[in-house]
PDB file of all heavy atoms in Angstrom:
ATOM      1  N   PHE A   1       8.270  -3.921  -9.411  1.00  0.00           N
ATOM      2  CA  PHE A   1       9.181  -5.008  -9.034  1.00  0.00           C
ATOM      3  C   PHE A   1      10.263  -4.436  -8.122  1.00  0.00           C
ATOM      4  O   PHE A   1      10.652  -3.260  -8.234  1.00  0.00           O
ATOM      5  CB  PHE A   1       9.809  -5.651 -10.266  1.00  0.00           C
ATOM      6  CG  PHE A   1       8.824  -6.359 -11.141  1.00  0.00           C
ATOM      7  CD1 PHE A   1       8.097  -5.672 -12.109  1.00  0.00           C
ATOM      8  CD2 PHE A   1       8.622  -7.718 -11.012  1.00  0.00           C
ATOM      9  CE1 PHE A   1       7.194  -6.319 -12.924  1.00  0.00           C
ATOM     10  CE2 PHE A   1       7.722  -8.387 -11.825  1.00  0.00           C
ATOM     11  CZ  PHE A   1       7.005  -7.687 -12.792  1.00  0.00           C
ATOM     12  N   VAL A   2      10.790  -5.264  -7.221  1.00  0.00           N
ATOM     13  CA  VAL A   2      11.805  -4.854  -6.274  1.00  0.00           C
ATOM     14  C   VAL A   2      12.972  -5.824  -6.325  1.00  0.00           C
ATOM     15  O   VAL A   2      12.750  -7.064  -6.366  1.00  0.00           O
ATOM     16  CB  VAL A   2      11.267  -4.797  -4.850  1.00  0.00           C
ATOM     17  CG1 VAL A   2      12.368  -4.438  -3.858  1.00  0.00           C
ATOM     18  CG2 VAL A   2      10.113  -3.821  -4.743  1.00  0.00           C
ATOM     19  N   TYR A   3      14.180  -5.295  -6.377  1.00  0.00           N
ATOM     20  CA  TYR A   3      15.366  -6.148  -6.245  1.00  0.00           C
ATOM     21  C   TYR A   3      16.187  -5.638  -5.083  1.00  0.00           C
ATOM     22  O   TYR A   3      16.669  -4.496  -5.110  1.00  0.00           O
ATOM     23  CB  TYR A   3      16.205  -6.171  -7.520  1.00  0.00           C
ATOM     24  CG  TYR A   3      17.426  -7.062  -7.380  1.00  0.00           C
ATOM     25  CD1 TYR A   3      17.290  -8.425  -7.197  1.00  0.00           C
ATOM     26  CD2 TYR A   3      18.707  -6.531  -7.410  1.00  0.00           C
ATOM     27  CE1 TYR A   3      18.377  -9.254  -7.049  1.00  0.00           C
ATOM     28  CE2 TYR A   3      19.829  -7.346  -7.281  1.00  0.00           C
ATOM     29  CZ  TYR A   3      19.637  -8.708  -7.097  1.00  0.00           C
ATOM     30  OH  TYR A   3      20.743  -9.525  -6.952  1.00  0.00           O
ATOM     31  N   ASN A   4      16.354  -6.475  -4.056  1.00  0.00           N
ATOM     32  CA  ASN A   4      17.140  -6.127  -2.896  1.00  0.00           C
ATOM     33  C   ASN A   4      18.574  -6.613  -3.117  1.00  0.00           C
ATOM     34  O   ASN A   4      18.833  -7.810  -3.081  1.00  0.00           O
ATOM     35  CB  ASN A   4      16.543  -6.787  -1.637  1.00  0.00           C
ATOM     36  CG  ASN A   4      17.243  -6.373  -0.354  1.00  0.00           C
ATOM     37  OD1 ASN A   4      18.425  -6.118  -0.332  1.00  0.00           O
ATOM     38  ND2 ASN A   4      16.472  -6.350   0.723  1.00  0.00           N
ATOM     39  N   PRO A   5      19.531  -5.705  -3.302  1.00  0.00           N
ATOM     40  CA  PRO A   5      20.911  -6.129  -3.610  1.00  0.00           C
ATOM     41  C   PRO A   5      21.625  -6.743  -2.424  1.00  0.00           C
ATOM     42  O   PRO A   5      22.667  -7.357  -2.603  1.00  0.00           O
ATOM     43  CB  PRO A   5      21.579  -4.834  -4.049  1.00  0.00           C
ATOM     44  CG  PRO A   5      20.788  -3.744  -3.393  1.00  0.00           C
ATOM     45  CD  PRO A   5      19.391  -4.253  -3.315  1.00  0.00           C
ATOM     46  N   GLU A   6      21.076  -6.581  -1.216  1.00  0.00           N
ATOM     47  CA  GLU A   6      21.707  -7.206  -0.033  1.00  0.00           C
ATOM     48  C   GLU A   6      21.262  -8.647   0.125  1.00  0.00           C
ATOM     49  O   GLU A   6      22.079  -9.543   0.311  1.00  0.00           O
ATOM     50  CB  GLU A   6      21.385  -6.400   1.221  1.00  0.00           C
ATOM     51  CG  GLU A   6      22.097  -5.048   1.276  1.00  0.00           C
ATOM     52  CD  GLU A   6      21.944  -4.380   2.629  1.00  0.00           C
ATOM     53  OE1 GLU A   6      21.347  -5.015   3.548  1.00  0.00           O
ATOM     54  OE2 GLU A   6      22.379  -3.250   2.789  1.00  0.00           O
ATOM     55  N   SER A   7      19.942  -8.888   0.046  1.00  0.00           N
ATOM     56  CA  SER A   7      19.431 -10.243   0.198  1.00  0.00           C
ATOM     57  C   SER A   7      19.384 -10.997  -1.124  1.00  0.00           C
ATOM     58  O   SER A   7      19.162 -12.208  -1.139  1.00  0.00           O
ATOM     59  CB  SER A   7      18.023 -10.190   0.811  1.00  0.00           C
ATOM     60  OG  SER A   7      17.110  -9.577  -0.099  1.00  0.00           O
ATOM     61  N   ARG A   8      19.598 -10.284  -2.233  1.00  0.00           N
ATOM     62  CA  ARG A   8      19.523 -10.842  -3.591  1.00  0.00           C
ATOM     63  C   ARG A   8      18.133 -11.375  -3.906  1.00  0.00           C
ATOM     64  O   ARG A   8      17.962 -12.323  -4.669  1.00  0.00           O
ATOM     65  CB  ARG A   8      20.577 -11.972  -3.766  1.00  0.00           C
ATOM     66  CG  ARG A   8      21.969 -11.627  -3.358  1.00  0.00           C
ATOM     67  CD  ARG A   8      22.596 -10.546  -4.197  1.00  0.00           C
ATOM     68  NE  ARG A   8      22.893 -11.022  -5.541  1.00  0.00           N
ATOM     69  CZ  ARG A   8      23.363 -10.236  -6.523  1.00  0.00           C
ATOM     70  NH1 ARG A   8      23.577  -8.953  -6.276  1.00  0.00           N
ATOM     71  NH2 ARG A   8      23.595 -10.730  -7.707  1.00  0.00           N
ATOM     72  N   ARG A   9      17.146 -10.767  -3.317  1.00  0.00           N
ATOM     73  CA  ARG A   9      15.755 -11.179  -3.530  1.00  0.00           C
ATOM     74  C   ARG A   9      15.104 -10.304  -4.595  1.00  0.00           C
ATOM     75  O   ARG A   9      15.193  -9.069  -4.541  1.00  0.00           O
ATOM     76  CB  ARG A   9      14.966 -11.085  -2.230  1.00  0.00           C
ATOM     77  CG  ARG A   9      13.507 -11.552  -2.364  1.00  0.00           C
ATOM     78  CD  ARG A   9      12.714 -11.269  -1.125  1.00  0.00           C
ATOM     79  NE  ARG A   9      11.303 -11.603  -1.299  1.00  0.00           N
ATOM     80  CZ  ARG A   9      10.307 -11.067  -0.602  1.00  0.00           C
ATOM     81  NH1 ARG A   9      10.583 -10.155   0.329  1.00  0.00           N
ATOM     82  NH2 ARG A   9       9.046 -11.421  -0.831  1.00  0.00           N
ATOM     83  N   PHE A  10      14.429 -10.941  -5.543  1.00  0.00           N
ATOM     84  CA  PHE A  10      13.696 -10.241  -6.599  1.00  0.00           C
ATOM     85  C   PHE A  10      12.233 -10.649  -6.481  1.00  0.00           C
ATOM     86  O   PHE A  10      11.916 -11.839  -6.423  1.00  0.00           O
ATOM     87  CB  PHE A  10      14.261 -10.664  -7.976  1.00  0.00           C
ATOM     88  CG  PHE A  10      13.594  -9.948  -9.137  1.00  0.00           C
ATOM     89  CD1 PHE A  10      14.140  -8.816  -9.690  1.00  0.00           C
ATOM     90  CD2 PHE A  10      12.398 -10.440  -9.680  1.00  0.00           C
ATOM     91  CE1 PHE A  10      13.553  -8.179 -10.763  1.00  0.00           C
ATOM     92  CE2 PHE A  10      11.809  -9.815 -10.726  1.00  0.00           C
ATOM     93  CZ  PHE A  10      12.383  -8.687 -11.287  1.00  0.00           C
ATOM     94  N   TYR A  11      11.340  -9.646  -6.433  1.00  0.00           N
ATOM     95  CA  TYR A  11       9.916  -9.960  -6.279  1.00  0.00           C
ATOM     96  C   TYR A  11       9.057  -8.808  -6.775  1.00  0.00           C
ATOM     97  O   TYR A  11       9.550  -7.692  -6.973  1.00  0.00           O
ATOM     98  CB  TYR A  11       9.566 -10.269  -4.822  1.00  0.00           C
ATOM     99  CG  TYR A  11       9.842  -9.151  -3.867  1.00  0.00           C
ATOM    100  CD1 TYR A  11       8.858  -8.295  -3.407  1.00  0.00           C
ATOM    101  CD2 TYR A  11      11.154  -8.912  -3.390  1.00  0.00           C
ATOM    102  CE1 TYR A  11       9.096  -7.277  -2.520  1.00  0.00           C
ATOM    103  CE2 TYR A  11      11.422  -7.897  -2.487  1.00  0.00           C
ATOM    104  CZ  TYR A  11      10.387  -7.074  -2.055  1.00  0.00           C
ATOM    105  OH  TYR A  11      10.647  -6.048  -1.181  1.00  0.00           O
ATOM    106  N   GLN A  12       7.785  -9.084  -6.958  1.00  0.00           N
ATOM    107  CA  GLN A  12       6.819  -8.068  -7.362  1.00  0.00           C
ATOM    108  C   GLN A  12       5.913  -7.727  -6.173  1.00  0.00           C
ATOM    109  O   GLN A  12       5.452  -8.636  -5.455  1.00  0.00           O
ATOM    110  CB  GLN A  12       5.968  -8.552  -8.539  1.00  0.00           C
ATOM    111  CG  GLN A  12       4.933  -7.517  -9.005  1.00  0.00           C
ATOM    112  CD  GLN A  12       4.092  -8.026 -10.171  1.00  0.00           C
ATOM    113  OE1 GLN A  12       4.351  -9.103 -10.717  1.00  0.00           O
ATOM    114  NE2 GLN A  12       3.090  -7.259 -10.539  1.00  0.00           N
ATOM    115  N   LEU A  13       5.686  -6.436  -5.951  1.00  0.00           N
ATOM    116  CA  LEU A  13       4.756  -6.039  -4.921  1.00  0.00           C
ATOM    117  C   LEU A  13       3.353  -6.516  -5.261  1.00  0.00           C
ATOM    118  O   LEU A  13       2.896  -6.419  -6.403  1.00  0.00           O
ATOM    119  CB  LEU A  13       4.748  -4.524  -4.742  1.00  0.00           C
ATOM    120  CG  LEU A  13       5.996  -3.871  -4.166  1.00  0.00           C
ATOM    121  CD1 LEU A  13       5.752  -2.368  -4.000  1.00  0.00           C
ATOM    122  CD2 LEU A  13       6.376  -4.490  -2.829  1.00  0.00           C
ATOM    123  N   ASP A  14       2.667  -7.046  -4.281  1.00  0.00           N
ATOM    124  CA  ASP A  14       1.311  -7.583  -4.492  1.00  0.00           C
ATOM    125  C   ASP A  14       0.288  -6.443  -4.369  1.00  0.00           C
ATOM    126  O   ASP A  14       0.186  -5.837  -3.294  1.00  0.00           O
ATOM    127  CB  ASP A  14       1.012  -8.667  -3.451  1.00  0.00           C
ATOM    128  CG  ASP A  14      -0.291  -9.413  -3.762  1.00  0.00           C
ATOM    129  OD1 ASP A  14      -1.078  -8.912  -4.589  1.00  0.00           O
ATOM    130  OD2 ASP A  14      -0.483 -10.468  -3.172  1.00  0.00           O
ATOM    131  N   PRO A  15      -0.454  -6.155  -5.415  1.00  0.00           N
ATOM    132  CA  PRO A  15      -1.454  -5.077  -5.308  1.00  0.00           C
ATOM    133  C   PRO A  15      -2.477  -5.326  -4.193  1.00  0.00           C
ATOM    134  O   PRO A  15      -3.039  -4.362  -3.669  1.00  0.00           O
ATOM    135  CB  PRO A  15      -2.157  -5.130  -6.689  1.00  0.00           C
ATOM    136  CG  PRO A  15      -1.144  -5.737  -7.609  1.00  0.00           C
ATOM    137  CD  PRO A  15      -0.386  -6.729  -6.764  1.00  0.00           C
ATOM    138  N   LYS A  16      -2.664  -6.569  -3.800  1.00  0.00           N
ATOM    139  CA  LYS A  16      -3.629  -6.861  -2.725  1.00  0.00           C
ATOM    140  C   LYS A  16      -3.135  -6.286  -1.404  1.00  0.00           C
ATOM    141  O   LYS A  16      -3.952  -5.941  -0.527  1.00  0.00           O
ATOM    142  CB  LYS A  16      -3.805  -8.352  -2.590  1.00  0.00           C
ATOM    143  CG  LYS A  16      -4.507  -9.010  -3.791  1.00  0.00           C
ATOM    144  CD  LYS A  16      -4.678 -10.518  -3.573  1.00  0.00           C
ATOM    145  CE  LYS A  16      -5.365 -11.159  -4.762  1.00  0.00           C
ATOM    146  NZ  LYS A  16      -5.495 -12.631  -4.588  1.00  0.00           N
ATOM    147  N   ASP A  17      -1.820  -6.168  -1.236  1.00  0.00           N
ATOM    148  CA  ASP A  17      -1.280  -5.589  -0.021  1.00  0.00           C
ATOM    149  C   ASP A  17      -1.629  -4.102   0.117  1.00  0.00           C
ATOM    150  O   ASP A  17      -1.613  -3.546   1.201  1.00  0.00           O
ATOM    151  CB  ASP A  17       0.247  -5.746  -0.011  1.00  0.00           C
ATOM    152  CG  ASP A  17       0.649  -7.200   0.112  1.00  0.00           C
ATOM    153  OD1 ASP A  17      -0.176  -8.012   0.553  1.00  0.00           O
ATOM    154  OD2 ASP A  17       1.806  -7.514  -0.259  1.00  0.00           O
ATOM    155  N   MET A  18      -1.938  -3.470  -1.016  1.00  0.00           N
ATOM    156  CA  MET A  18      -2.266  -2.057  -1.010  1.00  0.00           C
ATOM    157  C   MET A  18      -3.742  -1.814  -0.766  1.00  0.00           C
ATOM    158  O   MET A  18      -4.169  -0.687  -0.525  1.00  0.00           O
ATOM    159  CB  MET A  18      -1.881  -1.423  -2.365  1.00  0.00           C
ATOM    160  CG  MET A  18      -0.410  -1.518  -2.738  1.00  0.00           C
ATOM    161  SD  MET A  18       0.658  -0.644  -1.562  1.00  0.00           S
ATOM    162  CE  MET A  18       1.304  -2.022  -0.627  1.00  0.00           C
ATOM    163  N   ALA A  19      -4.554  -2.865  -0.821  1.00  0.00           N
ATOM    164  CA  ALA A  19      -5.989  -2.713  -0.679  1.00  0.00           C
ATOM    165  C   ALA A  19      -6.365  -2.113   0.675  1.00  0.00           C
ATOM    166  O   ALA A  19      -7.240  -1.241   0.760  1.00  0.00           O
ATOM    167  CB  ALA A  19      -6.684  -4.058  -0.910  1.00  0.00           C
ATOM    168  N   GLN A  20      -5.712  -2.577   1.752  1.00  0.00           N
ATOM    169  CA  GLN A  20      -6.012  -2.074   3.081  1.00  0.00           C
ATOM    170  C   GLN A  20      -5.623  -0.591   3.218  1.00  0.00           C
ATOM    171  O   GLN A  20      -6.347   0.187   3.837  1.00  0.00           O
ATOM    172  CB  GLN A  20      -5.293  -2.910   4.134  1.00  0.00           C
ATOM    173  CG  GLN A  20      -5.641  -2.529   5.571  1.00  0.00           C
ATOM    174  CD  GLN A  20      -7.113  -2.774   5.887  1.00  0.00           C
ATOM    175  OE1 GLN A  20      -7.717  -3.688   5.353  1.00  0.00           O
ATOM    176  NE2 GLN A  20      -7.674  -1.956   6.759  1.00  0.00           N
ATOM    177  N   ILE A  21      -4.497  -0.238   2.612  1.00  0.00           N
ATOM    178  CA  ILE A  21      -4.080   1.170   2.659  1.00  0.00           C
ATOM    179  C   ILE A  21      -5.062   2.030   1.891  1.00  0.00           C
ATOM    180  O   ILE A  21      -5.409   3.135   2.322  1.00  0.00           O
ATOM    181  CB  ILE A  21      -2.672   1.318   2.064  1.00  0.00           C
ATOM    182  CG1 ILE A  21      -1.653   0.560   2.945  1.00  0.00           C
ATOM    183  CG2 ILE A  21      -2.266   2.795   1.955  1.00  0.00           C
ATOM    184  CD1 ILE A  21      -0.240   0.615   2.431  1.00  0.00           C
ATOM    185  N   GLU A  22      -5.519   1.562   0.749  1.00  0.00           N
ATOM    186  CA  GLU A  22      -6.480   2.321  -0.045  1.00  0.00           C
ATOM    187  C   GLU A  22      -7.808   2.470   0.707  1.00  0.00           C
ATOM    188  O   GLU A  22      -8.412   3.544   0.697  1.00  0.00           O
ATOM    189  CB  GLU A  22      -6.709   1.611  -1.386  1.00  0.00           C
ATOM    190  CG  GLU A  22      -7.671   2.335  -2.308  1.00  0.00           C
ATOM    191  CD  GLU A  22      -7.168   3.669  -2.788  1.00  0.00           C
ATOM    192  OE1 GLU A  22      -5.944   3.945  -2.663  1.00  0.00           O
ATOM    193  OE2 GLU A  22      -7.989   4.476  -3.274  1.00  0.00           O
ATOM    194  N   LYS A  23      -8.225   1.435   1.384  1.00  0.00           N
ATOM    195  CA  LYS A  23      -9.458   1.480   2.188  1.00  0.00           C
ATOM    196  C   LYS A  23      -9.323   2.503   3.298  1.00  0.00           C
ATOM    197  O   LYS A  23     -10.228   3.292   3.579  1.00  0.00           O
ATOM    198  CB  LYS A  23      -9.766   0.098   2.758  1.00  0.00           C
ATOM    199  CG  LYS A  23     -11.045   0.044   3.585  1.00  0.00           C
ATOM    200  CD  LYS A  23     -11.286  -1.380   4.087  1.00  0.00           C
ATOM    201  CE  LYS A  23     -12.551  -1.453   4.916  1.00  0.00           C
ATOM    202  NZ  LYS A  23     -12.777  -2.840   5.424  1.00  0.00           N
ATOM    203  N   ARG A  24      -8.138   2.513   3.955  1.00  0.00           N
ATOM    204  CA  ARG A  24      -7.876   3.458   5.025  1.00  0.00           C
ATOM    205  C   ARG A  24      -7.859   4.890   4.493  1.00  0.00           C
ATOM    206  O   ARG A  24      -8.338   5.837   5.123  1.00  0.00           O
ATOM    207  CB  ARG A  24      -6.565   3.114   5.709  1.00  0.00           C
ATOM    208  CG  ARG A  24      -6.304   3.899   6.978  1.00  0.00           C
ATOM    209  CD  ARG A  24      -4.919   3.570   7.533  1.00  0.00           C
ATOM    210  NE  ARG A  24      -4.758   2.120   7.710  1.00  0.00           N
ATOM    211  CZ  ARG A  24      -3.782   1.447   7.169  1.00  0.00           C
ATOM    212  NH1 ARG A  24      -2.852   2.037   6.437  1.00  0.00           N
ATOM    213  NH2 ARG A  24      -3.686   0.142   7.370  1.00  0.00           N
ATOM    214  N   ARG A  25      -7.269   5.073   3.305  1.00  0.00           N
ATOM    215  CA  ARG A  25      -7.187   6.391   2.699  1.00  0.00           C
ATOM    216  C   ARG A  25      -8.581   6.945   2.406  1.00  0.00           C
ATOM    217  O   ARG A  25      -8.863   8.121   2.695  1.00  0.00           O
ATOM    218  CB  ARG A  25      -6.393   6.311   1.392  1.00  0.00           C
ATOM    219  CG  ARG A  25      -6.137   7.658   0.740  1.00  0.00           C
ATOM    220  CD  ARG A  25      -5.486   7.486  -0.624  1.00  0.00           C
ATOM    221  NE  ARG A  25      -6.431   6.948  -1.579  1.00  0.00           N
ATOM    222  CZ  ARG A  25      -7.311   7.679  -2.269  1.00  0.00           C
ATOM    223  NH1 ARG A  25      -7.356   9.003  -2.106  1.00  0.00           N
ATOM    224  NH2 ARG A  25      -8.115   7.113  -3.145  1.00  0.00           N
ATOM    225  N   LYS A  26      -9.436   6.146   1.879  1.00  0.00           N
ATOM    226  CA  LYS A  26     -10.806   6.592   1.591  1.00  0.00           C
ATOM    227  C   LYS A  26     -11.572   6.915   2.863  1.00  0.00           C
ATOM    228  O   LYS A  26     -12.333   7.868   2.938  1.00  0.00           O
ATOM    229  CB  LYS A  26     -11.547   5.517   0.781  1.00  0.00           C
ATOM    230  CG  LYS A  26     -11.008   5.348  -0.623  1.00  0.00           C
ATOM    231  CD  LYS A  26     -11.776   4.286  -1.399  1.00  0.00           C
ATOM    232  CE  LYS A  26     -11.240   4.156  -2.820  1.00  0.00           C
ATOM    233  NZ  LYS A  26     -11.967   3.094  -3.578  1.00  0.00           N
ATOM    234  N   GLY A  27     -11.341   6.096   3.903  1.00  0.00           N
ATOM    235  CA  GLY A  27     -11.999   6.372   5.191  1.00  0.00           C
ATOM    236  C   GLY A  27     -11.541   7.683   5.782  1.00  0.00           C
ATOM    237  O   GLY A  27     -12.351   8.421   6.355  1.00  0.00           O
ATOM    238  N   ALA A  28     -10.234   7.975   5.670  1.00  0.00           N
ATOM    239  CA  ALA A  28      -9.721   9.240   6.198  1.00  0.00           C
ATOM    240  C   ALA A  28     -10.286  10.429   5.428  1.00  0.00           C
ATOM    241  O   ALA A  28     -10.568  11.486   6.015  1.00  0.00           O
ATOM    242  CB  ALA A  28      -8.181   9.247   6.112  1.00  0.00           C
ATOM    243  N   LEU A  29     -10.471  10.272   4.137  1.00  0.00           N
ATOM    244  CA  LEU A  29     -11.052  11.358   3.334  1.00  0.00           C
ATOM    245  C   LEU A  29     -12.489  11.626   3.752  1.00  0.00           C
ATOM    246  O   LEU A  29     -12.930  12.786   3.857  1.00  0.00           O
ATOM    247  CB  LEU A  29     -10.989  10.993   1.850  1.00  0.00           C
ATOM    248  CG  LEU A  29     -11.489  12.035   0.862  1.00  0.00           C
ATOM    249  CD1 LEU A  29     -10.741  13.352   1.051  1.00  0.00           C
ATOM    250  CD2 LEU A  29     -11.354  11.541  -0.557  1.00  0.00           C
ATOM    251  N   ILE A  30     -13.246  10.579   3.975  1.00  0.00           N
ATOM    252  CA  ILE A  30     -14.631  10.732   4.454  1.00  0.00           C
ATOM    253  C   ILE A  30     -14.676  11.448   5.794  1.00  0.00           C
ATOM    254  O   ILE A  30     -15.495  12.326   6.047  1.00  0.00           O
ATOM    255  CB  ILE A  30     -15.332   9.362   4.522  1.00  0.00           C
ATOM    256  CG1 ILE A  30     -15.532   8.791   3.118  1.00  0.00           C
ATOM    257  CG2 ILE A  30     -16.689   9.486   5.226  1.00  0.00           C
ATOM    258  CD1 ILE A  30     -16.065   7.388   3.090  1.00  0.00           C
ATOM    259  N   LYS A  31     -13.739  11.054   6.695  1.00  0.00           N
ATOM    260  CA  LYS A  31     -13.679  11.692   7.994  1.00  0.00           C
ATOM    261  C   LYS A  31     -13.339  13.169   7.869  1.00  0.00           C
ATOM    262  O   LYS A  31     -13.914  14.017   8.595  1.00  0.00           O
ATOM    263  CB  LYS A  31     -12.646  10.981   8.861  1.00  0.00           C
ATOM    264  CG  LYS A  31     -12.485  11.565  10.265  1.00  0.00           C
ATOM    265  CD  LYS A  31     -13.768  11.429  11.062  1.00  0.00           C
ATOM    266  CE  LYS A  31     -13.562  11.944  12.488  1.00  0.00           C
ATOM    267  NZ  LYS A  31     -14.829  11.880  13.277  1.00  0.00           N
ATOM    268  N   PHE A  32     -12.433  13.499   6.983  1.00  0.00           N
ATOM    269  CA  PHE A  32     -12.072  14.907   6.756  1.00  0.00           C
ATOM    270  C   PHE A  32     -13.291  15.706   6.322  1.00  0.00           C
ATOM    271  O   PHE A  32     -13.552  16.805   6.846  1.00  0.00           O
ATOM    272  CB  PHE A  32     -10.982  15.017   5.697  1.00  0.00           C
ATOM    273  CG  PHE A  32     -10.793  16.397   5.164  1.00  0.00           C
ATOM    274  CD1 PHE A  32     -10.017  17.329   5.863  1.00  0.00           C
ATOM    275  CD2 PHE A  32     -11.391  16.782   3.949  1.00  0.00           C
ATOM    276  CE1 PHE A  32      -9.850  18.613   5.367  1.00  0.00           C
ATOM    277  CE2 PHE A  32     -11.216  18.076   3.477  1.00  0.00           C
ATOM    278  CZ  PHE A  32     -10.459  19.018   4.182  1.00  0.00           C
ATOM    279  N   LEU A  33     -14.067  15.177   5.403  1.00  0.00           N
ATOM    280  CA  LEU A  33     -15.211  15.898   4.871  1.00  0.00           C
ATOM    281  C   LEU A  33     -16.288  16.138   5.936  1.00  0.00           C
ATOM    282  O   LEU A  33     -17.031  17.111   5.862  1.00  0.00           O
ATOM    283  CB  LEU A  33     -15.801  15.139   3.679  1.00  0.00           C
ATOM    284  CG  LEU A  33     -14.883  15.051   2.443  1.00  0.00           C
ATOM    285  CD1 LEU A  33     -15.506  14.151   1.385  1.00  0.00           C
ATOM    286  CD2 LEU A  33     -14.622  16.435   1.848  1.00  0.00           C
ATOM    287  N   SER A  34     -16.340  15.248   6.925  1.00  0.00           N
ATOM    288  CA  SER A  34     -17.396  15.371   7.947  1.00  0.00           C
ATOM    289  C   SER A  34     -16.878  16.053   9.198  1.00  0.00           C
ATOM    290  O   SER A  34     -17.685  16.283  10.130  1.00  0.00           O
ATOM    291  CB  SER A  34     -17.921  13.965   8.304  1.00  0.00           C
ATOM    292  OG  SER A  34     -16.920  13.180   8.881  1.00  0.00           O
ATOM    293  N   SER A  35     -15.609  16.430   9.268  1.00  0.00           N
ATOM    294  CA  SER A  35     -15.037  17.019  10.466  1.00  0.00           C
ATOM    295  C   SER A  35     -15.113  18.528  10.442  1.00  0.00           C
ATOM    296  O   SER A  35     -15.139  19.158   9.376  1.00  0.00           O
ATOM    297  CB  SER A  35     -13.577  16.591  10.641  1.00  0.00           C
ATOM    298  OG  SER A  35     -13.474  15.198  10.845  1.00  0.00           O
TER     299      SER A  35
END
């Protein structure tokens, strides 16, 4: 969860937003192994 004391916004990070980063991470690992 994140609370921004300037904007007074409280919210939870969406795990779906991390899916693309995780996909990119796995792709980079595969590239490392084949380089």
